[in-house]
Each structure stands twice: as C-alpha cells, then as structure tokens.
C-alpha cells in the first residue's frame, strides 16, 4: 500500500469520526431538566433531607474539554521484553500485562511511603512500560492495591483500559497489572463542559444518588465513549465517587460533561475498603 493511499485512509477515518461526533452533539444537546428549574438552595435542601452528604464548595463554574481519540492496538505486547526487572506476560484477550518482580521490592510501612516508592518504581523502564504516564489515584485504591490512572496533556483517563494497579502485602510489591489505551489526540475543537455542581444536581434529579449516601470525591476526567472504525473515542466526564453510609462501599459513577447525561454502560463499579 503506497503512502498516498495510507494518507487517504487516515483522512477518511478522521472525517467519519468527526461526522459521528457531530451527529452525537446534535442528538444530545445540553439538557434543561428539573435541575435547571430549581434553585441550588432548594436542591441542596432536598438532598440534606434525603441524607445525602456533599463535599464542601462544589464548584458551579463551567470548564472545557475535547473529544479525544486513540487507535486500538496492543501497545503493551511489545514491551514485555523491555521489563528486565520483572517476570512479565501479556494477555491479548483482555489487553492486560501482568508482572511480578524478579527480586524483592520493599516499599515501606505506611501508605504515603508506599505511594512515594511506587512512583519511583514505575518510572523505571525496566519495571513498568509507559510508567511516566500514570498518576496515583487514591479514590480507586484499596487497602492492598494502589491504582495509577493514565494521564495525558488533556487530563486523566478513567477507563479499565488505562490503569496500572499494584498489589502490595506487608510492605512488599507482590505484582502489578497494567493496561494502556495509547496516545490520545483531540478530534474536535475545545468545548465548554457543565460544572461539577450541575453534574451532581443532575444525578440527584435523575435518581442516581441514593438516600443516606455521601459524595466523597468529584473530579473531571476522560472516559471511553465508543469505538469508530478502530479508533477509541473519549469524552470529558465528571467522575463522582459515592459512598453508602451503611456499607461503606464506594461506587464510581460518571456524567457526560458535555450534556449532563448519566453514562450507564460499563461505567459503574464498586471499590471496597475495609
């Protein structure tokens, strides 16, 4: 296949992605639901009456973000041989690299010590592939697991295909699993997003916040939207960590930061902590 034909194919794919996103934007305008007709004070009062606890100072300022795209590929498959300090293998079926250290790796006793040493450990190419692109995320970590999410110039990516998870016991590294979604790039111009408060109030009016729950964290990041002709499309999302006050289990829910719609498919899971 000659160079001009390859360029033409990339151009066609780019046009198709933009056409798809244009249709999605047209079909999903920013919703004007009950959350916009009630005052913030009324909604807060109702939430309080339902036993829903909010973080202090949820921002009502709008932000901005892009539609991002990356090519579907087995980015980690060729990296196994470079991890000379690890016994590593790659499973193409779920695009996951699993590694155990060849020598004992002592990380410390306290969580802060462990995180600090894992940050240094992951940045060594013989230990972790693309390690510099991952950032610690406390809200996805548990008692014996330390999660790092893939980052980009445009923000953090919260997706099962972009996470590095270390398992630690008695202050020592047992193993890690890693997925990598690849380099991302914007495919449309910068667009305004809804505020964090808008996202939370929308969740409440859509009955996505259970009574007697607590929002423990609220962050703007990127989530997978769809796949178009081998390209993964990501969009800005409000990540909302909701704790059940009785069971203490934490559930991560997501809100489309462009139009306020609740993202349902493959976006909610529980993080259990003792």
C-alpha atoms as a PDB file:
ATOM      1  CA  UNK A   1       0.000   0.000   0.000  1.00  0.00           C
ATOM      2  CA  UNK A   2       1.577   3.329  -1.096  1.00  0.00           C
ATOM      3  CA  UNK A   3       1.999   6.401   1.097  1.00  0.00           C
ATOM      4  CA  UNK A   4      -0.730   8.459  -0.605  1.00  0.00           C
ATOM      5  CA  UNK A   5      -3.287   5.691  -0.113  1.00  0.00           C
ATOM      6  CA  UNK A   6      -2.437   5.443   3.595  1.00  0.00           C
ATOM      7  CA  UNK A   7      -2.865   9.203   3.957  1.00  0.00           C
ATOM      8  CA  UNK A   8      -6.226   8.956   2.188  1.00  0.00           C
ATOM      9  CA  UNK A   9      -7.434   6.204   4.527  1.00  0.00           C
ATOM     10  CA  UNK A  10      -6.448   8.242   7.598  1.00  0.00           C
ATOM     11  CA  UNK A  11      -8.310  11.232   6.155  1.00  0.00           C
ATOM     12  CA  UNK A  12     -11.459   9.142   5.605  1.00  0.00           C
ATOM     13  CA  UNK A  13     -11.350   7.782   9.162  1.00  0.00           C
ATOM     14  CA  UNK A  14     -10.877  11.311  10.533  1.00  0.00           C
ATOM     15  CA  UNK A  15     -13.897  12.570   8.565  1.00  0.00           C
ATOM     16  CA  UNK A  16     -16.034   9.637   9.740  1.00  0.00           C
ATOM     17  CA  UNK A  17     -15.107  10.275  13.392  1.00  0.00           C
ATOM     18  CA  UNK A  18     -15.982  13.955  13.111  1.00  0.00           C
ATOM     19  CA  UNK A  19     -19.245  13.122  11.340  1.00  0.00           C
ATOM     20  CA  UNK A  20     -20.154  10.678  14.109  1.00  0.00           C
ATOM     21  CA  UNK A  21     -19.337  13.190  16.847  1.00  0.00           C
ATOM     22  CA  UNK A  22     -21.274  15.904  15.035  1.00  0.00           C
ATOM     23  CA  UNK A  23     -24.360  13.683  14.976  1.00  0.00           C
ATOM     24  CA  UNK A  24     -23.938  12.859  18.682  1.00  0.00           C
ATOM     25  CA  UNK A  25     -23.695  16.544  19.575  1.00  0.00           C
ATOM     26  CA  UNK A  26     -26.810  17.310  17.523  1.00  0.00           C
ATOM     27  CA  UNK A  27     -28.749  14.433  19.099  1.00  0.00           C
ATOM     28  CA  UNK A  28     -27.655  15.223  22.660  1.00  0.00           C
ATOM     29  CA  UNK A  29     -27.972  18.930  23.413  1.00  0.00           C
ATOM     30  CA  UNK A  30     -27.346  20.168  26.945  1.00  0.00           C
ATOM     31  CA  UNK A  31     -30.428  19.101  28.820  1.00  0.00           C
ATOM     32  CA  UNK A  32     -32.705  21.571  30.553  1.00  0.00           C
ATOM     33  CA  UNK A  33     -34.244  19.277  33.148  1.00  0.00           C
ATOM     34  CA  UNK A  34     -35.591  19.785  36.654  1.00  0.00           C
ATOM     35  CA  UNK A  35     -32.084  20.531  37.904  1.00  0.00           C
ATOM     36  CA  UNK A  36     -32.076  23.804  35.943  1.00  0.00           C
ATOM     37  CA  UNK A  37     -35.543  24.900  37.015  1.00  0.00           C
ATOM     38  CA  UNK A  38     -34.978  24.508  40.742  1.00  0.00           C
ATOM     39  CA  UNK A  39     -32.694  26.804  42.668  1.00  0.00           C
ATOM     40  CA  UNK A  40     -29.432  25.449  44.016  1.00  0.00           C
ATOM     41  CA  UNK A  41     -30.657  26.120  47.524  1.00  0.00           C
ATOM     42  CA  UNK A  42     -33.797  24.042  47.017  1.00  0.00           C
ATOM     43  CA  UNK A  43     -31.849  21.102  45.632  1.00  0.00           C
ATOM     44  CA  UNK A  44     -29.333  21.250  48.470  1.00  0.00           C
ATOM     45  CA  UNK A  45     -32.175  21.320  50.991  1.00  0.00           C
ATOM     46  CA  UNK A  46     -33.813  18.293  49.388  1.00  0.00           C
ATOM     47  CA  UNK A  47     -30.517  16.409  49.357  1.00  0.00           C
ATOM     48  CA  UNK A  48     -29.976  17.170  53.022  1.00  0.00           C
ATOM     49  CA  UNK A  49     -33.462  15.896  53.788  1.00  0.00           C
ATOM     50  CA  UNK A  50     -32.631  12.647  51.979  1.00  0.00           C
ATOM     51  CA  UNK A  51     -29.461  12.192  53.997  1.00  0.00           C
ATOM     52  CA  UNK A  52     -27.137  12.932  51.068  1.00  0.00           C
ATOM     53  CA  UNK A  53     -23.866  14.497  52.163  1.00  0.00           C
ATOM     54  CA  UNK A  54     -21.958  16.729  49.747  1.00  0.00           C
ATOM     55  CA  UNK A  55     -18.323  17.884  49.680  1.00  0.00           C
ATOM     56  CA  UNK A  56     -17.657  21.450  50.665  1.00  0.00           C
ATOM     57  CA  UNK A  57     -17.592  24.107  47.970  1.00  0.00           C
ATOM     58  CA  UNK A  58     -18.718  22.149  44.906  1.00  0.00           C
ATOM     59  CA  UNK A  59     -17.878  24.451  42.012  1.00  0.00           C
ATOM     60  CA  UNK A  60     -20.619  25.851  39.787  1.00  0.00           C
ATOM     61  CA  UNK A  61     -18.094  27.125  37.237  1.00  0.00           C
ATOM     62  CA  UNK A  62     -18.082  25.647  33.763  1.00  0.00           C
ATOM     63  CA  UNK A  63     -14.912  24.030  32.421  1.00  0.00           C
ATOM     64  CA  UNK A  64     -13.771  22.899  28.976  1.00  0.00           C
ATOM     65  CA  UNK A  65     -12.620  19.722  27.247  1.00  0.00           C
ATOM     66  CA  UNK A  66     -12.133  17.862  23.977  1.00  0.00           C
ATOM     67  CA  UNK A  67     -13.346  14.775  22.269  1.00  0.00           C
ATOM     68  CA  UNK A  68     -10.199  12.633  22.186  1.00  0.00           C
ATOM     69  CA  UNK A  69      -9.276   9.681  20.014  1.00  0.00           C
ATOM     70  CA  UNK A  70      -6.693   6.908  20.100  1.00  0.00           C
ATOM     71  CA  UNK A  71      -6.113   3.932  17.849  1.00  0.00           C
ATOM     72  CA  UNK A  72      -7.000   0.451  19.123  1.00  0.00           C
ATOM     73  CA  UNK A  73      -3.781  -1.541  19.375  1.00  0.00           C
ATOM     74  CA  UNK A  74      -1.847  -3.921  21.627  1.00  0.00           C
ATOM     75  CA  UNK A  75       0.554  -1.249  22.861  1.00  0.00           C
ATOM     76  CA  UNK A  76       1.938  -3.374  25.705  1.00  0.00           C
ATOM     77  CA  UNK A  77       2.594  -6.566  23.753  1.00  0.00           C
ATOM     78  CA  UNK A  78       5.999  -5.395  22.503  1.00  0.00           C
ATOM     79  CA  UNK A  79       7.013  -4.071  25.922  1.00  0.00           C
ATOM     80  CA  UNK A  80       7.263  -7.421  27.736  1.00  0.00           C
ATOM     81  CA  UNK A  81      10.868  -7.924  26.667  1.00  0.00           C
ATOM     82  CA  UNK A  82      11.913  -4.497  27.954  1.00  0.00           C
ATOM     83  CA  UNK A  83      10.778  -5.247  31.521  1.00  0.00           C
ATOM     84  CA  UNK A  84      14.061  -6.851  32.517  1.00  0.00           C
ATOM     85  CA  UNK A  85      13.422  -6.490  36.263  1.00  0.00           C
ATOM     86  CA  UNK A  86      10.104  -8.309  36.037  1.00  0.00           C
ATOM     87  CA  UNK A  87       8.615 -11.640  35.075  1.00  0.00           C
ATOM     88  CA  UNK A  88       6.003 -10.341  32.691  1.00  0.00           C
ATOM     89  CA  UNK A  89       3.408 -11.713  30.311  1.00  0.00           C
ATOM     90  CA  UNK A  90       0.803 -10.112  28.092  1.00  0.00           C
ATOM     91  CA  UNK A  91      -2.746 -11.404  27.534  1.00  0.00           C
ATOM     92  CA  UNK A  92      -4.059 -10.227  24.183  1.00  0.00           C
ATOM     93  CA  UNK A  93      -7.605 -11.292  25.059  1.00  0.00           C
ATOM     94  CA  UNK A  94      -8.037  -8.536  27.651  1.00  0.00           C
ATOM     95  CA  UNK A  95      -5.065  -6.366  26.629  1.00  0.00           C
ATOM     96  CA  UNK A  96      -3.518  -6.738  30.086  1.00  0.00           C
ATOM     97  CA  UNK A  97       0.118  -7.038  31.088  1.00  0.00           C
ATOM     98  CA  UNK A  98       0.814  -8.897  34.337  1.00  0.00           C
ATOM     99  CA  UNK A  99       4.199  -8.690  36.057  1.00  0.00           C
ATOM    100  CA  UNK A 100       5.890  -9.945  39.219  1.00  0.00           C
ATOM    101  CA  UNK A 101       9.283  -8.690  40.447  1.00  0.00           C
ATOM    102  CA  UNK A 102      12.299 -10.950  39.974  1.00  0.00           C
ATOM    103  CA  UNK A 103      13.752  -9.644  43.234  1.00  0.00           C
ATOM    104  CA  UNK A 104      12.085  -8.495  46.446  1.00  0.00           C
ATOM    105  CA  UNK A 105      10.839  -4.912  46.244  1.00  0.00           C
ATOM    106  CA  UNK A 106      10.373  -3.341  49.685  1.00  0.00           C
ATOM    107  CA  UNK A 107       8.103  -0.311  49.634  1.00  0.00           C
ATOM    108  CA  UNK A 108       7.656   0.743  53.239  1.00  0.00           C
ATOM    109  CA  UNK A 109       5.103   0.507  56.021  1.00  0.00           C
ATOM    110  CA  UNK A 110       2.797   3.499  55.641  1.00  0.00           C
ATOM    111  CA  UNK A 111       0.597   4.256  52.606  1.00  0.00           C
ATOM    112  CA  UNK A 112       2.448   7.515  51.983  1.00  0.00           C
ATOM    113  CA  UNK A 113       5.807   5.702  51.926  1.00  0.00           C
ATOM    114  CA  UNK A 114       4.433   3.029  49.605  1.00  0.00           C
ATOM    115  CA  UNK A 115       2.981   5.554  47.161  1.00  0.00           C
ATOM    116  CA  UNK A 116       6.234   7.548  47.096  1.00  0.00           C
ATOM    117  CA  UNK A 117       8.298   4.451  46.314  1.00  0.00           C
ATOM    118  CA  UNK A 118       5.830   3.143  43.765  1.00  0.00           C
ATOM    119  CA  UNK A 119       6.093   6.489  41.983  1.00  0.00           C
ATOM    120  CA  UNK A 120       9.842   5.986  41.668  1.00  0.00           C
ATOM    121  CA  UNK A 121       9.475   2.296  40.800  1.00  0.00           C
ATOM    122  CA  UNK A 122       7.016   2.839  37.934  1.00  0.00           C
ATOM    123  CA  UNK A 123       9.211   5.491  36.327  1.00  0.00           C
ATOM    124  CA  UNK A 124      11.996   2.972  35.670  1.00  0.00           C
ATOM    125  CA  UNK A 125      11.550   1.489  32.182  1.00  0.00           C
ATOM    126  CA  UNK A 126      12.852  -1.926  33.300  1.00  0.00           C
ATOM    127  CA  UNK A 127       9.973  -2.066  35.785  1.00  0.00           C
ATOM    128  CA  UNK A 128       6.953  -0.552  34.039  1.00  0.00           C
ATOM    129  CA  UNK A 129       6.193   0.402  30.443  1.00  0.00           C
ATOM    130  CA  UNK A 130       4.993   3.996  29.919  1.00  0.00           C
ATOM    131  CA  UNK A 131       5.289   4.451  33.685  1.00  0.00           C
ATOM    132  CA  UNK A 132       5.721   8.218  33.494  1.00  0.00           C
ATOM    133  CA  UNK A 133       2.234   8.485  32.008  1.00  0.00           C
ATOM    134  CA  UNK A 134       0.481   7.100  35.096  1.00  0.00           C
ATOM    135  CA  UNK A 135      -0.584   9.075  38.172  1.00  0.00           C
ATOM    136  CA  UNK A 136      -1.682   7.783  41.561  1.00  0.00           C
ATOM    137  CA  UNK A 137      -5.436   7.846  42.173  1.00  0.00           C
ATOM    138  CA  UNK A 138      -6.325   7.354  45.827  1.00  0.00           C
ATOM    139  CA  UNK A 139     -10.048   7.086  45.117  1.00  0.00           C
ATOM    140  CA  UNK A 140      -9.515   3.909  43.075  1.00  0.00           C
ATOM    141  CA  UNK A 141      -7.093   2.331  45.544  1.00  0.00           C
ATOM    142  CA  UNK A 142      -7.844  -0.115  48.331  1.00  0.00           C
ATOM    143  CA  UNK A 143      -6.097  -1.488  51.408  1.00  0.00           C
ATOM    144  CA  UNK A 144      -3.663  -3.692  49.455  1.00  0.00           C
ATOM    145  CA  UNK A 145      -3.994  -2.161  45.983  1.00  0.00           C
ATOM    146  CA  UNK A 146      -2.579   1.084  44.670  1.00  0.00           C
ATOM    147  CA  UNK A 147      -4.114   2.337  41.424  1.00  0.00           C
ATOM    148  CA  UNK A 148      -2.479   4.694  38.937  1.00  0.00           C
ATOM    149  CA  UNK A 149      -4.503   6.093  36.040  1.00  0.00           C
ATOM    150  CA  UNK A 150      -3.152   7.026  32.635  1.00  0.00           C
ATOM    151  CA  UNK A 151      -2.699  10.750  32.125  1.00  0.00           C
ATOM    152  CA  UNK A 152      -2.451  12.908  29.029  1.00  0.00           C
ATOM    153  CA  UNK A 153      -1.895  16.533  28.125  1.00  0.00           C
ATOM    154  CA  UNK A 154      -5.672  16.939  28.271  1.00  0.00           C
ATOM    155  CA  UNK A 155      -6.343  15.275  31.634  1.00  0.00           C
ATOM    156  CA  UNK A 156      -6.598  11.938  33.409  1.00  0.00           C
ATOM    157  CA  UNK A 157      -8.216   8.935  31.738  1.00  0.00           C
ATOM    158  CA  UNK A 158     -10.547   6.838  33.882  1.00  0.00           C
ATOM    159  CA  UNK A 159     -11.030   3.605  31.992  1.00  0.00           C
ATOM    160  CA  UNK A 160     -10.344  -0.090  32.556  1.00  0.00           C
ATOM    161  CA  UNK A 161      -8.013   0.093  29.542  1.00  0.00           C
ATOM    162  CA  UNK A 162      -5.831   2.804  31.072  1.00  0.00           C
ATOM    163  CA  UNK A 163      -4.906   1.737  34.588  1.00  0.00           C
ATOM    164  CA  UNK A 164      -1.854   0.416  36.450  1.00  0.00           C
ATOM    165  CA  UNK A 165      -2.664  -1.468  39.666  1.00  0.00           C
ATOM    166  CA  UNK A 166      -0.047  -2.607  42.171  1.00  0.00           C
ATOM    167  CA  UNK A 167      -0.753  -5.314  44.744  1.00  0.00           C
ATOM    168  CA  UNK A 168       1.199  -4.815  47.972  1.00  0.00           C
ATOM    169  CA  UNK A 169       1.336  -7.037  51.042  1.00  0.00           C
ATOM    170  CA  UNK A 170       3.364  -6.499  54.231  1.00  0.00           C
ATOM    171  CA  UNK A 171       5.099  -3.548  52.628  1.00  0.00           C
ATOM    172  CA  UNK A 172       6.346  -5.543  49.634  1.00  0.00           C
ATOM    173  CA  UNK A 173       5.338  -5.500  45.996  1.00  0.00           C
ATOM    174  CA  UNK A 174       3.595  -8.739  45.021  1.00  0.00           C
ATOM    175  CA  UNK A 175       2.630  -7.972  41.412  1.00  0.00           C
ATOM    176  CA  UNK A 176       1.008  -5.454  39.130  1.00  0.00           C
ATOM    177  CA  UNK A 177      -1.409  -5.445  36.230  1.00  0.00           C
ATOM    178  CA  UNK A 178      -1.411  -2.809  33.538  1.00  0.00           C
ATOM    179  CA  UNK A 179      -3.500  -1.694  30.607  1.00  0.00           C
ATOM    180  CA  UNK A 180      -2.645   1.178  28.281  1.00  0.00           C
ATOM    181  CA  UNK A 181      -5.046   2.931  25.935  1.00  0.00           C
ATOM    182  CA  UNK A 182      -2.339   4.583  23.847  1.00  0.00           C
ATOM    183  CA  UNK A 183      -1.532   8.216  22.944  1.00  0.00           C
ATOM    184  CA  UNK A 184      -4.597  10.439  22.570  1.00  0.00           C
ATOM    185  CA  UNK A 185      -5.285  13.462  20.407  1.00  0.00           C
ATOM    186  CA  UNK A 186      -8.220  15.882  20.064  1.00  0.00           C
ATOM    187  CA  UNK A 187     -10.556  15.324  17.120  1.00  0.00           C
ATOM    188  CA  UNK A 188     -12.756  18.355  17.639  1.00  0.00           C
ATOM    189  CA  UNK A 189     -12.284  21.879  18.932  1.00  0.00           C
ATOM    190  CA  UNK A 190     -12.303  22.769  22.632  1.00  0.00           C
ATOM    191  CA  UNK A 191     -15.861  22.842  24.034  1.00  0.00           C
ATOM    192  CA  UNK A 192     -17.448  24.044  27.259  1.00  0.00           C
ATOM    193  CA  UNK A 193     -18.442  21.484  29.878  1.00  0.00           C
ATOM    194  CA  UNK A 194     -21.005  21.611  32.658  1.00  0.00           C
ATOM    195  CA  UNK A 195     -19.919  22.393  36.201  1.00  0.00           C
ATOM    196  CA  UNK A 196     -19.372  19.874  38.952  1.00  0.00           C
ATOM    197  CA  UNK A 197     -22.484  21.126  40.736  1.00  0.00           C
ATOM    198  CA  UNK A 198     -24.546  20.692  37.554  1.00  0.00           C
ATOM    199  CA  UNK A 199     -23.335  17.087  37.329  1.00  0.00           C
ATOM    200  CA  UNK A 200     -24.260  16.315  40.949  1.00  0.00           C
ATOM    201  CA  UNK A 201     -27.664  18.004  40.780  1.00  0.00           C
ATOM    202  CA  UNK A 202     -28.420  16.121  37.560  1.00  0.00           C
ATOM    203  CA  UNK A 203     -27.567  12.838  39.272  1.00  0.00           C
ATOM    204  CA  UNK A 204     -29.940  13.731  42.086  1.00  0.00           C
ATOM    205  CA  UNK A 205     -32.890  14.676  39.874  1.00  0.00           C
ATOM    206  CA  UNK A 206     -32.292  11.543  37.771  1.00  0.00           C
ATOM    207  CA  UNK A 207     -32.390   9.459  40.981  1.00  0.00           C
ATOM    208  CA  UNK A 208     -28.779   8.361  40.622  1.00  0.00           C
ATOM    209  CA  UNK A 209     -27.956   9.368  44.202  1.00  0.00           C
ATOM    210  CA  UNK A 210     -29.391   7.014  46.806  1.00  0.00           C
ATOM    211  CA  UNK A 211     -30.660   8.264  50.148  1.00  0.00           C
ATOM    212  CA  UNK A 212     -28.152   8.176  53.011  1.00  0.00           C
ATOM    213  CA  UNK A 213     -25.147   8.405  50.733  1.00  0.00           C
ATOM    214  CA  UNK A 214     -22.083  10.610  50.677  1.00  0.00           C
ATOM    215  CA  UNK A 215     -20.155  12.062  47.739  1.00  0.00           C
ATOM    216  CA  UNK A 216     -16.535  11.553  48.750  1.00  0.00           C
ATOM    217  CA  UNK A 217     -14.854  12.871  45.591  1.00  0.00           C
ATOM    218  CA  UNK A 218     -15.719  14.725  42.390  1.00  0.00           C
ATOM    219  CA  UNK A 219     -13.261  15.056  39.502  1.00  0.00           C
ATOM    220  CA  UNK A 220     -13.275  15.945  35.816  1.00  0.00           C
ATOM    221  CA  UNK A 221     -11.521  13.362  33.615  1.00  0.00           C
ATOM    222  CA  UNK A 222     -11.938  11.375  30.411  1.00  0.00           C
ATOM    223  CA  UNK A 223     -13.994   8.221  29.838  1.00  0.00           C
ATOM    224  CA  UNK A 224     -14.479   5.928  26.865  1.00  0.00           C
ATOM    225  CA  UNK A 225     -17.484   6.850  24.736  1.00  0.00           C
ATOM    226  CA  UNK A 226     -17.396   4.488  21.768  1.00  0.00           C
ATOM    227  CA  UNK A 227     -15.206   2.881  19.082  1.00  0.00           C
ATOM    228  CA  UNK A 228     -15.379   4.127  15.482  1.00  0.00           C
ATOM    229  CA  UNK A 229     -13.513   2.147  12.820  1.00  0.00           C
ATOM    230  CA  UNK A 230     -10.739   1.069  15.166  1.00  0.00           C
ATOM    231  CA  UNK A 231     -10.442   4.421  16.947  1.00  0.00           C
ATOM    232  CA  UNK A 232     -11.444   4.750  20.611  1.00  0.00           C
ATOM    233  CA  UNK A 233     -13.332   7.980  21.315  1.00  0.00           C
ATOM    234  CA  UNK A 234     -13.062   9.547  24.780  1.00  0.00           C
ATOM    235  CA  UNK A 235     -15.095  12.398  26.199  1.00  0.00           C
ATOM    236  CA  UNK A 236     -14.858  14.606  29.302  1.00  0.00           C
ATOM    237  CA  UNK A 237     -16.795  13.129  32.231  1.00  0.00           C
ATOM    238  CA  UNK A 238     -17.496  14.123  35.787  1.00  0.00           C
ATOM    239  CA  UNK A 239     -16.314  11.245  37.980  1.00  0.00           C
ATOM    240  CA  UNK A 240     -18.431  11.036  41.136  1.00  0.00           C
ATOM    241  CA  UNK A 241     -17.429   8.702  43.973  1.00  0.00           C
ATOM    242  CA  UNK A 242     -20.491   7.881  46.092  1.00  0.00           C
ATOM    243  CA  UNK A 243     -20.216   6.122  49.450  1.00  0.00           C
ATOM    244  CA  UNK A 244     -23.039   4.117  51.007  1.00  0.00           C
ATOM    245  CA  UNK A 245     -23.083   5.350  54.609  1.00  0.00           C
ATOM    246  CA  UNK A 246     -24.206   1.963  55.919  1.00  0.00           C
ATOM    247  CA  UNK A 247     -22.000  -0.484  53.995  1.00  0.00           C
ATOM    248  CA  UNK A 248     -19.131   1.996  53.380  1.00  0.00           C
ATOM    249  CA  UNK A 249     -18.802   0.630  49.834  1.00  0.00           C
ATOM    250  CA  UNK A 250     -17.836   3.247  47.260  1.00  0.00           C
ATOM    251  CA  UNK A 251     -19.292   3.376  43.765  1.00  0.00           C
ATOM    252  CA  UNK A 252     -17.845   5.418  40.907  1.00  0.00           C
ATOM    253  CA  UNK A 253     -20.453   6.965  38.611  1.00  0.00           C
ATOM    254  CA  UNK A 254     -19.927   9.145  35.585  1.00  0.00           C
ATOM    255  CA  UNK A 255     -21.747  12.063  33.996  1.00  0.00           C
ATOM    256  CA  UNK A 256     -21.194  13.243  30.419  1.00  0.00           C
ATOM    257  CA  UNK A 257     -19.551  16.634  30.967  1.00  0.00           C
ATOM    258  CA  UNK A 258     -20.808  17.994  27.654  1.00  0.00           C
ATOM    259  CA  UNK A 259     -24.535  17.364  28.006  1.00  0.00           C
ATOM    260  CA  UNK A 260     -25.186  16.171  31.561  1.00  0.00           C
ATOM    261  CA  UNK A 261     -26.376  12.701  30.632  1.00  0.00           C
ATOM    262  CA  UNK A 262     -25.653   9.863  33.037  1.00  0.00           C
ATOM    263  CA  UNK A 263     -23.210   7.409  31.467  1.00  0.00           C
ATOM    264  CA  UNK A 264     -24.584   3.937  32.084  1.00  0.00           C
ATOM    265  CA  UNK A 265     -22.680   1.382  30.003  1.00  0.00           C
ATOM    266  CA  UNK A 266     -19.619  -0.132  31.712  1.00  0.00           C
ATOM    267  CA  UNK A 267     -19.074   2.910  33.902  1.00  0.00           C
ATOM    268  CA  UNK A 268     -20.136   1.940  37.419  1.00  0.00           C
ATOM    269  CA  UNK A 269     -18.240  -0.330  39.740  1.00  0.00           C
ATOM    270  CA  UNK A 270     -17.587  -0.657  43.446  1.00  0.00           C
ATOM    271  CA  UNK A 271     -14.356  -0.068  45.327  1.00  0.00           C
ATOM    272  CA  UNK A 272     -14.484  -1.928  48.618  1.00  0.00           C
ATOM    273  CA  UNK A 273     -12.317  -0.831  51.525  1.00  0.00           C
ATOM    274  CA  UNK A 274     -12.066  -2.287  54.998  1.00  0.00           C
END
